[in-house]
Amino acid sequence: MSGDCDFGLMGLAVMGENLALNVESRGYKVAVYNRTTSKVDDLIEGRAKGKNFVGTHTVEEFVKSVKRPRKLMMLVKAGPAVDAIIDQLIPLCDPGDIIIDGGNTLYSDTERRTKLVEEAGLLYVGCGVSGGEEGALKGPSMMPGGSKEAWPHIKEMFQAVSAKVGPNNDIPCCEWVGPRGAGHYVKMVHNGIEYGDMQLICEAYQLLREVGGLNNEELYDVFAEWNEGELQSYLIEITRDIFSAKDDQGGDAFLVDKILDVAGAKGTGKWMSQLALDLGVPSTLVTTAVFARGLSAQKEARVRASKTLNGPSESMNPEMRAAAMKLVGDRADFVESVRHALYASKIVSYAQGFVQLQAASAEHDWGLDYGNAALLWRGGCIIRAQFLDRIKDAFEADSNLENLLLHPFFKKAIEDAQAAWRTVVASAAILGIPVPAFSTALNYYDGYRLERLPANLLQAQRDYFGAHTYQRVDKDGWFHSEWLDLRKQPK
């Protein structure tokens, strides 16, 4: 027996409640359930009052209220709670019903759960959802993967509720990603790129404030201008807005100046970094961004260190400092240089993200469409940006593109920004301003573009102390040398 609801949603925190309202607004009847049943009642008597909702107080009632094949979505905290709900749902569902996880789940858990649910005769979807609470309500970016047979049943609904882009605002930011954990992996890479983007913007902010001397009103103007050009993105837009916000606790101070400089994290950036290490791909920007948040969290230690450790401003003689400021140039030139550095570093961040997606797709046989991945991120999500169109175009022109940096558009963009990028990184180092993400991006670019790196010496060291062998540039095969016999004999 089944009810007449088109969709069921479990988990009525802000994201879940907003997504349920979004689905209902597109003409679907929605059943809702929450472990704390008062949340169900609050929604039904509040924001959902008079709308096409059914509130349920038990999992059994929830499942029975949705028509077959049931589409049952969870928006709960990732981890054991998801497994517990799946264990509750499986015996209550009928063959062909679809269980959907819309949380920030580790892809390997989705791989495991897809197999478990399919073996029970059901279908499973692991769907990345990005856009925060506003996106959930008005149109998120959605990245579904899992049981391919589920896609025809959920496609119309998911594409209806997702963000739309394109000249006619009719291209949904939702498309099938791939089997098993592919959808959650793509969402994880989205979040990792988000980590890098945010760190890069913060470094630009510190440079403009401490080296350029810009106040918050001037920073607002700079970011407003940047948001009209090649840096146009959601994160640049909200950063602009932040600089204009006054303290909501009273007074004329700007709110951003009252916020403690300690950054939080929920773990998806760390996952991407760890998985990059497993794959052997250099996703250095997200790793640097994760470590930067970790360093920010050591606030008390940094306060103590600040009273003891000197930087260049204390030790640099006047002539050196004058030379450093000359390198920076006048303020307008410096602002433009920072813009170039931010844009070039952002390109590297996305290039690394797609290299990791390519490696993961090959490792897990997902067959990802990278142009589609870029399409999914053009609207609704946190990293939505103007130049994602260029990324989509790049992979449509060459689906086997090895690295975005090799595409003519991005190659020229880096060439145009390169001089300013190097000036900014060098100036920051001389003046003692930490720019770990800017410099990491530049180091990746320089390492990637060089035909020969010093890893020959590193491999010689490994062979010397551990007989790990090495390859030669003039002969095929693997070699080991007796370095003690070949070395110059000590006197």
Protein backbone atom coordinates (compact mmCIF):
# COMPACT_ATOMS: atom_id res chain seq x y z
CA MET A 1 0.00 0.00 0.00
CA SER A 2 1.25 3.52 -0.73
CA GLY A 3 -0.03 7.05 -0.41
CA ASP A 4 -0.35 9.86 -2.92
CA CYS A 5 2.76 11.97 -2.12
CA ASP A 6 5.25 12.41 -4.96
CA PHE A 7 8.30 12.75 -2.73
CA GLY A 8 9.37 12.14 0.84
CA LEU A 9 12.01 14.07 2.76
CA MET A 10 13.54 13.10 6.11
CA GLY A 11 15.47 15.67 8.13
CA LEU A 12 13.99 19.10 8.72
CA ALA A 13 16.97 21.21 9.60
CA VAL A 14 17.28 24.40 7.55
CA MET A 15 18.50 22.67 4.36
CA GLY A 16 15.88 19.93 4.53
CA GLU A 17 12.99 22.26 5.28
CA ASN A 18 13.97 24.64 2.48
CA LEU A 19 14.42 21.86 -0.06
CA ALA A 20 11.03 20.40 0.86
CA LEU A 21 9.42 23.82 0.28
CA ASN A 22 11.27 24.09 -3.04
CA VAL A 23 10.00 20.69 -4.21
CA GLU A 24 6.42 21.51 -3.22
CA SER A 25 6.60 24.86 -5.01
CA ARG A 26 7.24 23.01 -8.28
CA GLY A 27 3.89 21.23 -8.08
CA TYR A 28 4.77 18.11 -6.13
CA LYS A 29 3.07 16.75 -3.02
CA VAL A 30 5.66 16.22 -0.28
CA ALA A 31 5.72 13.98 2.80
CA VAL A 32 8.06 15.09 5.59
CA TYR A 33 9.47 13.36 8.66
CA ASN A 34 11.88 14.32 11.40
CA ARG A 35 13.06 12.30 14.40
CA THR A 36 12.05 15.23 16.60
CA THR A 37 8.41 15.26 15.57
CA SER A 38 7.78 18.78 16.86
CA LYS A 39 9.80 20.00 13.85
CA VAL A 40 7.27 18.32 11.58
CA ASP A 41 4.38 20.02 13.36
CA ASP A 42 6.14 23.39 13.32
CA LEU A 43 6.64 23.16 9.56
CA ILE A 44 3.09 22.00 8.81
CA GLU A 45 1.59 24.76 10.98
CA GLY A 46 4.11 27.35 9.87
CA ARG A 47 5.86 27.79 6.51
CA ALA A 48 4.00 24.84 4.94
CA LYS A 49 0.54 25.82 6.17
CA GLY A 50 -2.01 25.56 3.37
CA LYS A 51 0.51 23.93 1.03
CA ASN A 52 0.64 20.45 -0.43
CA PHE A 53 2.41 18.69 2.45
CA VAL A 54 1.80 15.63 4.59
CA GLY A 55 3.44 15.59 8.00
CA THR A 56 4.32 12.19 9.46
CA HIS A 57 5.42 11.14 12.96
CA THR A 58 6.84 7.67 12.30
CA VAL A 59 9.11 6.20 9.65
CA GLU A 60 6.39 3.66 8.80
CA GLU A 61 3.84 6.44 8.24
CA PHE A 62 6.38 8.40 6.22
CA VAL A 63 7.10 5.51 3.83
CA LYS A 64 3.41 4.61 3.40
CA SER A 65 2.51 8.20 2.49
CA VAL A 66 4.64 8.20 -0.69
CA LYS A 67 3.46 6.58 -3.92
CA ARG A 68 5.50 3.93 -5.69
CA PRO A 69 8.18 3.85 -6.84
CA ARG A 70 8.90 5.84 -3.71
CA LYS A 71 11.42 8.65 -3.81
CA LEU A 72 12.65 9.01 -0.21
CA MET A 73 15.38 11.56 0.46
CA MET A 74 17.48 11.97 3.59
CA LEU A 75 19.04 15.30 4.54
CA VAL A 76 20.68 14.36 7.81
CA LYS A 77 24.17 14.52 9.26
CA ALA A 78 26.56 12.28 7.32
CA GLY A 79 27.81 9.16 9.03
CA PRO A 80 26.14 6.52 11.20
CA ALA A 81 22.77 8.30 11.15
CA VAL A 82 22.47 7.60 7.41
CA ASP A 83 23.17 3.89 7.91
CA ALA A 84 20.60 3.75 10.72
CA ILE A 85 17.91 5.31 8.53
CA ILE A 86 18.69 2.99 5.61
CA ASP A 87 18.33 0.02 7.96
CA GLN A 88 14.90 1.37 8.96
CA LEU A 89 13.79 2.06 5.38
CA ILE A 90 14.80 -1.15 3.63
CA PRO A 91 12.24 -3.48 5.27
CA LEU A 92 9.47 -0.90 4.79
CA CYS A 93 10.10 -0.30 1.09
CA ASP A 94 9.05 -2.24 -2.00
CA PRO A 95 11.27 -3.36 -4.89
CA GLY A 96 12.25 -0.44 -7.10
CA ASP A 97 11.79 2.22 -4.42
CA ILE A 98 14.55 4.85 -4.34
CA ILE A 99 16.49 5.94 -1.25
CA ILE A 100 18.35 9.22 -1.73
CA ASP A 101 21.12 10.67 0.45
CA GLY A 102 21.46 14.43 -0.05
CA GLY A 103 24.02 15.05 2.70
CA ASN A 104 27.75 15.76 2.56
CA THR A 105 28.66 12.09 2.56
CA LEU A 106 32.08 10.54 1.98
CA TYR A 107 31.93 8.92 -1.46
CA SER A 108 33.18 5.53 -0.22
CA ASP A 109 30.18 5.30 2.12
CA THR A 110 27.93 5.87 -0.89
CA GLU A 111 29.76 3.17 -2.83
CA ARG A 112 29.10 0.74 0.03
CA ARG A 113 25.49 1.81 0.56
CA THR A 114 24.61 1.58 -3.14
CA LYS A 115 25.66 -2.07 -3.13
CA LEU A 116 23.75 -2.75 0.10
CA VAL A 117 20.51 -1.12 -1.06
CA GLU A 118 20.63 -2.66 -4.53
CA GLU A 119 21.13 -6.12 -3.01
CA ALA A 120 17.87 -5.50 -1.10
CA GLY A 121 16.06 -4.90 -4.41
CA LEU A 122 15.92 -1.10 -4.06
CA LEU A 123 17.67 1.76 -5.83
CA TYR A 124 20.08 4.21 -4.20
CA VAL A 125 21.16 7.75 -5.09
CA GLY A 126 23.97 9.68 -3.48
CA CYS A 127 23.29 13.30 -4.43
CA GLY A 128 25.56 16.21 -3.67
CA VAL A 129 23.52 19.34 -2.96
CA SER A 130 25.21 22.74 -2.94
CA GLY A 131 23.98 26.26 -2.43
CA GLY A 132 23.34 26.52 1.28
CA GLU A 133 19.93 27.29 2.72
CA GLU A 134 19.10 29.89 0.07
CA GLY A 135 20.03 27.52 -2.73
CA ALA A 136 17.96 24.73 -1.20
CA LEU A 137 14.92 27.00 -1.25
CA LYS A 138 15.38 28.78 -4.57
CA GLY A 139 17.41 26.31 -6.62
CA PRO A 140 20.58 24.40 -5.66
CA SER A 141 23.22 22.71 -7.73
CA MET A 142 22.52 18.98 -7.58
CA MET A 143 25.00 16.18 -8.35
CA PRO A 144 23.19 12.80 -8.34
CA GLY A 145 24.96 9.48 -8.73
CA GLY A 146 24.31 5.87 -7.75
CA SER A 147 21.81 3.42 -9.28
CA LYS A 148 21.42 4.56 -12.89
CA GLU A 149 17.93 3.02 -13.06
CA ALA A 150 16.78 5.64 -10.55
CA TRP A 151 17.57 8.62 -12.77
CA PRO A 152 14.48 8.46 -15.06
CA HIS A 153 12.27 8.47 -11.96
CA ILE A 154 13.86 11.51 -10.30
CA LYS A 155 15.17 13.48 -13.29
CA GLU A 156 12.13 15.67 -13.90
CA MET A 157 11.72 16.60 -10.23
CA PHE A 158 15.41 17.19 -9.53
CA GLN A 159 15.91 19.31 -12.62
CA ALA A 160 12.74 21.26 -11.79
CA VAL A 161 13.99 22.24 -8.32
CA SER A 162 17.64 22.88 -9.29
CA ALA A 163 19.18 26.21 -10.26
CA LYS A 164 18.88 27.28 -13.90
CA VAL A 165 21.44 28.99 -16.13
CA GLY A 166 21.84 29.88 -19.79
CA PRO A 167 20.60 32.73 -21.96
CA ASN A 168 17.00 31.70 -21.38
CA ASN A 169 17.53 30.54 -17.80
CA ASP A 170 16.38 27.06 -18.79
CA ILE A 171 19.47 24.86 -18.37
CA PRO A 172 19.22 22.98 -15.05
CA CYS A 173 22.30 22.66 -12.84
CA CYS A 174 21.49 19.00 -12.31
CA GLU A 175 22.52 16.05 -14.45
CA TRP A 176 23.33 12.41 -13.79
CA VAL A 177 26.98 12.19 -12.71
CA GLY A 178 27.80 8.49 -12.65
CA PRO A 179 27.54 5.21 -10.76
CA ARG A 180 27.80 4.54 -7.04
CA GLY A 181 29.71 7.31 -5.20
CA ALA A 182 30.41 9.52 -8.23
CA GLY A 183 27.89 12.21 -7.27
CA HIS A 184 29.23 12.63 -3.77
CA TYR A 185 32.82 12.64 -5.07
CA VAL A 186 32.02 15.49 -7.47
CA LYS A 187 30.37 17.37 -4.59
CA MET A 188 33.48 16.81 -2.45
CA VAL A 189 35.71 18.26 -5.18
CA HIS A 190 33.31 21.21 -5.43
CA ASN A 191 33.81 21.79 -1.71
CA GLY A 192 37.57 21.41 -2.01
CA ILE A 193 37.68 24.05 -4.75
CA GLU A 194 35.50 26.18 -2.48
CA TYR A 195 38.14 25.88 0.27
CA GLY A 196 40.81 27.07 -2.16
CA ASP A 197 38.68 29.93 -3.50
CA MET A 198 37.90 31.21 -0.02
CA GLN A 199 41.54 31.10 1.08
CA LEU A 200 42.65 32.93 -2.07
CA ILE A 201 40.07 35.67 -1.49
CA CYS A 202 41.20 36.01 2.13
CA GLU A 203 44.80 36.41 1.02
CA ALA A 204 43.77 39.08 -1.49
CA TYR A 205 41.89 40.84 1.33
CA GLN A 206 44.91 40.84 3.64
CA LEU A 207 47.22 42.13 0.91
CA LEU A 208 44.84 44.93 -0.08
CA ARG A 209 44.30 45.92 3.53
CA GLU A 210 47.81 45.64 4.94
CA VAL A 211 49.94 46.47 1.91
CA GLY A 212 47.54 48.54 -0.16
CA GLY A 213 46.04 50.29 2.86
CA LEU A 214 42.44 49.96 1.66
CA ASN A 215 39.64 50.46 4.19
CA ASN A 216 36.36 48.54 4.11
CA GLU A 217 34.55 51.06 1.92
CA GLU A 218 37.37 50.89 -0.60
CA LEU A 219 37.45 47.10 -0.40
CA TYR A 220 33.72 47.09 -1.14
CA ASP A 221 34.34 49.15 -4.28
CA VAL A 222 37.20 46.90 -5.42
CA PHE A 223 35.23 43.69 -5.01
CA ALA A 224 32.17 45.26 -6.64
CA GLU A 225 34.32 46.08 -9.66
CA TRP A 226 35.89 42.62 -9.69
CA ASN A 227 32.44 41.07 -9.66
CA GLU A 228 31.68 42.78 -12.96
CA GLY A 229 34.61 41.13 -14.75
CA GLU A 230 36.40 37.80 -15.13
CA LEU A 231 36.34 37.18 -11.37
CA GLN A 232 32.53 37.38 -11.24
CA SER A 233 31.35 34.72 -8.81
CA TYR A 234 29.12 34.09 -5.82
CA LEU A 235 32.07 34.22 -3.40
CA ILE A 236 33.31 37.56 -4.76
CA GLU A 237 29.76 38.89 -4.57
CA ILE A 238 29.21 37.95 -0.93
CA THR A 239 32.69 39.18 0.00
CA ARG A 240 31.74 42.56 -1.46
CA ASP A 241 28.60 42.56 0.67
CA ILE A 242 30.49 41.60 3.83
CA PHE A 243 32.66 44.72 3.61
CA SER A 244 29.54 46.91 3.76
CA ALA A 245 27.90 45.26 6.78
CA LYS A 246 27.93 47.24 10.04
CA ASP A 247 28.13 45.55 13.44
CA ASP A 248 24.72 44.18 14.36
CA GLN A 249 25.62 44.47 18.06
CA GLY A 250 25.62 48.25 17.81
CA GLY A 251 28.05 51.00 16.94
CA ASP A 252 29.52 52.19 13.67
CA ALA A 253 32.19 49.49 13.33
CA PHE A 254 32.16 47.07 10.43
CA LEU A 255 31.11 43.58 11.43
CA VAL A 256 33.97 41.83 9.62
CA ASP A 257 36.49 43.61 11.88
CA LYS A 258 34.77 42.25 14.99
CA ILE A 259 34.96 38.58 13.94
CA LEU A 260 37.63 36.42 15.56
CA ASP A 261 40.21 35.24 13.03
CA VAL A 262 39.58 31.52 13.62
CA ALA A 263 38.13 29.52 10.71
CA GLY A 264 35.98 26.43 11.08
CA ALA A 265 35.72 23.41 8.79
CA LYS A 266 33.37 20.46 8.31
CA GLY A 267 35.79 18.00 6.71
CA THR A 268 35.09 17.82 2.97
CA GLY A 269 38.24 19.78 2.13
CA LYS A 270 40.26 17.37 4.24
CA TRP A 271 38.64 14.42 2.43
CA MET A 272 39.65 15.80 -0.95
CA SER A 273 43.21 16.34 0.23
CA GLN A 274 43.47 12.85 1.71
CA LEU A 275 42.03 11.23 -1.40
CA ALA A 276 44.38 13.23 -3.63
CA LEU A 277 47.27 11.71 -1.69
CA ASP A 278 45.78 8.25 -2.19
CA LEU A 279 45.53 8.87 -5.94
CA GLY A 280 48.97 10.47 -6.16
CA VAL A 281 47.65 13.70 -7.71
CA PRO A 282 48.97 17.08 -6.52
CA SER A 283 45.82 18.88 -5.30
CA THR A 284 48.08 21.28 -3.44
CA LEU A 285 45.71 24.24 -3.23
CA VAL A 286 42.96 22.54 -1.22
CA THR A 287 45.60 21.01 1.06
CA THR A 288 47.13 24.42 1.67
CA ALA A 289 43.68 25.89 2.35
CA VAL A 290 42.91 23.16 4.90
CA PHE A 291 46.22 23.78 6.68
CA ALA A 292 45.58 27.54 6.63
CA ARG A 293 42.34 26.98 8.52
CA GLY A 294 44.23 24.77 10.95
CA LEU A 295 46.80 27.49 11.57
CA SER A 296 44.04 30.05 12.11
CA ALA A 297 42.58 27.81 14.81
CA GLN A 298 45.85 28.04 16.78
CA LYS A 299 44.86 31.54 17.84
CA GLU A 300 46.30 31.49 21.36
CA ALA A 301 49.61 30.11 20.13
CA ARG A 302 49.76 32.79 17.42
CA VAL A 303 49.09 35.52 19.96
CA ARG A 304 52.00 34.26 22.06
CA ALA A 305 54.26 33.95 19.02
CA SER A 306 53.41 37.46 17.85
CA LYS A 307 55.02 38.86 21.01
CA THR A 308 58.28 37.02 20.33
CA LEU A 309 58.86 36.36 16.63
CA ASN A 310 59.93 39.23 14.39
CA GLY A 311 59.08 39.74 10.75
CA PRO A 312 60.67 41.92 8.08
CA SER A 313 59.05 45.13 9.33
CA GLU A 314 61.14 44.87 12.49
CA SER A 315 64.38 43.65 10.92
CA MET A 316 64.34 45.18 7.45
CA ASN A 317 66.46 48.28 6.96
CA PRO A 318 64.74 51.33 5.41
CA GLU A 319 66.40 50.84 2.02
CA MET A 320 65.15 47.26 1.73
CA ARG A 321 61.64 48.22 2.71
CA ALA A 322 61.64 51.07 0.22
CA ALA A 323 62.75 48.65 -2.49
CA ALA A 324 59.95 46.25 -1.54
CA MET A 325 57.32 48.99 -1.69
CA LYS A 326 58.69 50.08 -5.05
CA LEU A 327 58.09 46.53 -6.27
CA VAL A 328 54.48 46.84 -5.12
CA GLY A 329 54.03 50.09 -7.05
CA ASP A 330 51.27 52.62 -6.48
CA ARG A 331 48.02 51.51 -4.90
CA ALA A 332 45.98 51.28 -8.09
CA ASP A 333 48.66 49.17 -9.74
CA PHE A 334 48.85 46.92 -6.69
CA VAL A 335 45.09 46.36 -6.64
CA GLU A 336 45.26 45.34 -10.30
CA SER A 337 48.20 43.02 -9.61
CA VAL A 338 46.28 41.30 -6.81
CA ARG A 339 43.33 40.84 -9.15
CA HIS A 340 45.58 39.12 -11.69
CA ALA A 341 47.14 36.94 -8.99
CA LEU A 342 43.73 35.93 -7.69
CA TYR A 343 42.46 35.03 -11.15
CA ALA A 344 45.54 33.00 -12.09
CA SER A 345 45.51 31.15 -8.77
CA LYS A 346 41.79 30.43 -9.15
CA ILE A 347 42.44 28.85 -12.55
CA VAL A 348 45.06 26.59 -10.95
CA SER A 349 42.58 25.63 -8.22
CA TYR A 350 40.00 24.46 -10.74
CA ALA A 351 42.65 22.78 -12.89
CA GLN A 352 43.76 20.72 -9.91
CA GLY A 353 40.17 19.83 -9.05
CA PHE A 354 39.48 18.47 -12.52
CA VAL A 355 42.76 16.54 -12.59
CA GLN A 356 41.65 14.84 -9.38
CA LEU A 357 38.22 14.09 -10.87
CA GLN A 358 39.90 12.53 -13.90
CA ALA A 359 42.12 10.35 -11.71
CA ALA A 360 39.20 9.27 -9.51
CA SER A 361 37.01 8.50 -12.52
CA ALA A 362 39.73 6.26 -13.96
CA GLU A 363 40.35 4.60 -10.59
CA HIS A 364 36.67 3.79 -9.97
CA ASP A 365 35.51 3.38 -13.59
CA TRP A 366 32.88 6.12 -13.28
CA GLY A 367 33.12 7.56 -16.79
CA LEU A 368 32.63 11.14 -15.61
CA ASP A 369 31.67 13.88 -18.06
CA TYR A 370 33.83 16.85 -17.01
CA GLY A 371 31.94 19.37 -19.13
CA ASN A 372 28.75 18.31 -17.35
CA ALA A 373 30.48 18.71 -13.99
CA ALA A 374 31.32 22.30 -14.87
CA LEU A 375 27.72 22.81 -15.98
CA LEU A 376 26.44 21.60 -12.61
CA TRP A 377 28.49 24.29 -10.86
CA ARG A 378 27.42 27.25 -13.01
CA GLY A 379 24.44 28.09 -10.81
CA GLY A 380 23.05 27.49 -7.36
CA CYS A 381 26.29 26.36 -5.74
CA ILE A 382 28.94 28.16 -3.70
CA ILE A 383 31.68 28.13 -6.36
CA ARG A 384 29.43 29.30 -9.18
CA ALA A 385 31.47 31.62 -11.35
CA GLN A 386 31.54 33.17 -14.78
CA PHE A 387 34.49 31.18 -16.07
CA LEU A 388 32.85 27.79 -15.49
CA ASP A 389 31.36 28.33 -18.96
CA ARG A 390 34.94 28.34 -20.26
CA ILE A 391 35.69 25.09 -18.44
CA LYS A 392 32.61 23.46 -19.98
CA ASP A 393 33.67 24.70 -23.42
CA ALA A 394 37.20 23.35 -22.89
CA PHE A 395 36.03 19.82 -22.13
CA GLU A 396 33.41 19.88 -24.86
CA ALA A 397 36.17 20.75 -27.32
CA ASP A 398 38.46 18.02 -25.94
CA SER A 399 36.95 15.46 -23.58
CA ASN A 400 40.46 14.07 -22.98
CA LEU A 401 41.98 17.43 -22.05
CA GLU A 402 44.84 16.53 -19.72
CA ASN A 403 44.86 19.76 -17.74
CA LEU A 404 42.86 22.99 -18.03
CA LEU A 405 46.13 24.92 -18.06
CA LEU A 406 46.80 23.48 -21.53
CA HIS A 407 43.59 24.85 -23.04
CA PRO A 408 44.24 28.00 -25.14
CA PHE A 409 41.88 30.22 -23.14
CA PHE A 410 43.40 29.36 -19.76
CA LYS A 411 46.95 29.26 -21.12
CA LYS A 412 46.57 32.86 -22.35
CA ALA A 413 44.86 33.95 -19.12
CA ILE A 414 47.83 32.68 -17.11
CA GLU A 415 50.29 34.32 -19.49
CA ASP A 416 48.49 37.65 -19.17
CA ALA A 417 48.44 37.44 -15.35
CA GLN A 418 51.83 35.88 -14.76
CA ALA A 419 54.00 38.96 -14.25
CA ALA A 420 51.59 40.49 -11.74
CA TRP A 421 51.12 37.12 -10.02
CA ARG A 422 54.86 36.77 -9.45
CA THR A 423 55.13 40.37 -8.26
CA VAL A 424 52.40 39.84 -5.68
CA VAL A 425 53.92 36.63 -4.31
CA ALA A 426 57.41 38.15 -4.19
CA SER A 427 56.15 41.35 -2.54
CA ALA A 428 54.24 39.40 0.07
CA ALA A 429 57.33 37.35 0.93
CA ILE A 430 59.51 40.45 1.29
CA LEU A 431 56.92 42.24 3.42
CA GLY A 432 56.07 39.24 5.60
CA ILE A 433 52.45 38.78 4.50
CA PRO A 434 51.51 35.07 4.36
CA VAL A 435 50.02 34.06 1.01
CA PRO A 436 50.17 30.27 1.16
CA ALA A 437 47.49 29.68 -1.49
CA PHE A 438 48.83 32.27 -3.97
CA SER A 439 52.35 30.87 -3.66
CA THR A 440 51.19 27.24 -3.75
CA ALA A 441 49.26 27.89 -6.96
CA LEU A 442 52.30 29.56 -8.53
CA ASN A 443 54.58 26.74 -7.43
CA TYR A 444 52.23 24.18 -8.99
CA TYR A 445 52.19 26.13 -12.24
CA ASP A 446 55.98 26.38 -12.31
CA GLY A 447 56.41 22.72 -11.40
CA TYR A 448 53.92 21.60 -14.04
CA ARG A 449 55.46 23.66 -16.83
CA LEU A 450 59.05 22.46 -16.26
CA GLU A 451 60.26 19.48 -18.27
CA ARG A 452 62.82 18.54 -15.63
CA LEU A 453 62.46 18.73 -11.85
CA PRO A 454 65.03 17.87 -9.15
CA ALA A 455 63.32 14.53 -8.46
CA ASN A 456 66.32 12.82 -10.05
CA LEU A 457 68.32 13.75 -6.93
CA LEU A 458 65.48 12.64 -4.69
CA GLN A 459 65.35 9.24 -6.39
CA ALA A 460 69.13 8.95 -6.08
CA GLN A 461 68.78 9.56 -2.33
CA ARG A 462 66.09 6.87 -2.08
CA ASP A 463 68.25 4.39 -3.92
CA TYR A 464 71.28 5.29 -1.79
CA PHE A 465 69.64 4.70 1.59
CA GLY A 466 66.93 2.18 0.69
CA ALA A 467 67.81 0.48 -2.62
CA HIS A 468 64.50 1.75 -4.08
CA THR A 469 65.99 1.74 -7.63
CA TYR A 470 65.67 4.42 -10.30
CA GLN A 471 65.03 4.87 -14.00
CA ARG A 472 67.54 6.44 -16.40
CA VAL A 473 67.09 9.03 -19.12
CA ASP A 474 69.26 7.07 -21.57
CA LYS A 475 68.22 3.43 -20.99
CA ASP A 476 65.02 1.51 -20.33
CA GLY A 477 64.41 -0.43 -17.15
CA TRP A 478 65.05 -0.01 -13.44
CA PHE A 479 68.52 0.28 -11.92
CA HIS A 480 70.21 0.11 -8.54
CA SER A 481 73.70 1.41 -7.86
CA GLU A 482 76.18 0.76 -5.06
CA TRP A 483 76.55 4.38 -4.07
CA LEU A 484 79.17 3.70 -1.39
CA ASP A 485 81.45 2.24 -4.04
CA LEU A 486 80.76 5.04 -6.55
CA ARG A 487 81.11 7.99 -4.20
CA LYS A 488 84.19 10.10 -3.76
CA GLN A 489 86.12 8.48 -0.94
CA PRO A 490 86.39 10.68 2.15
CA LYS A 491 89.89 11.68 3.20
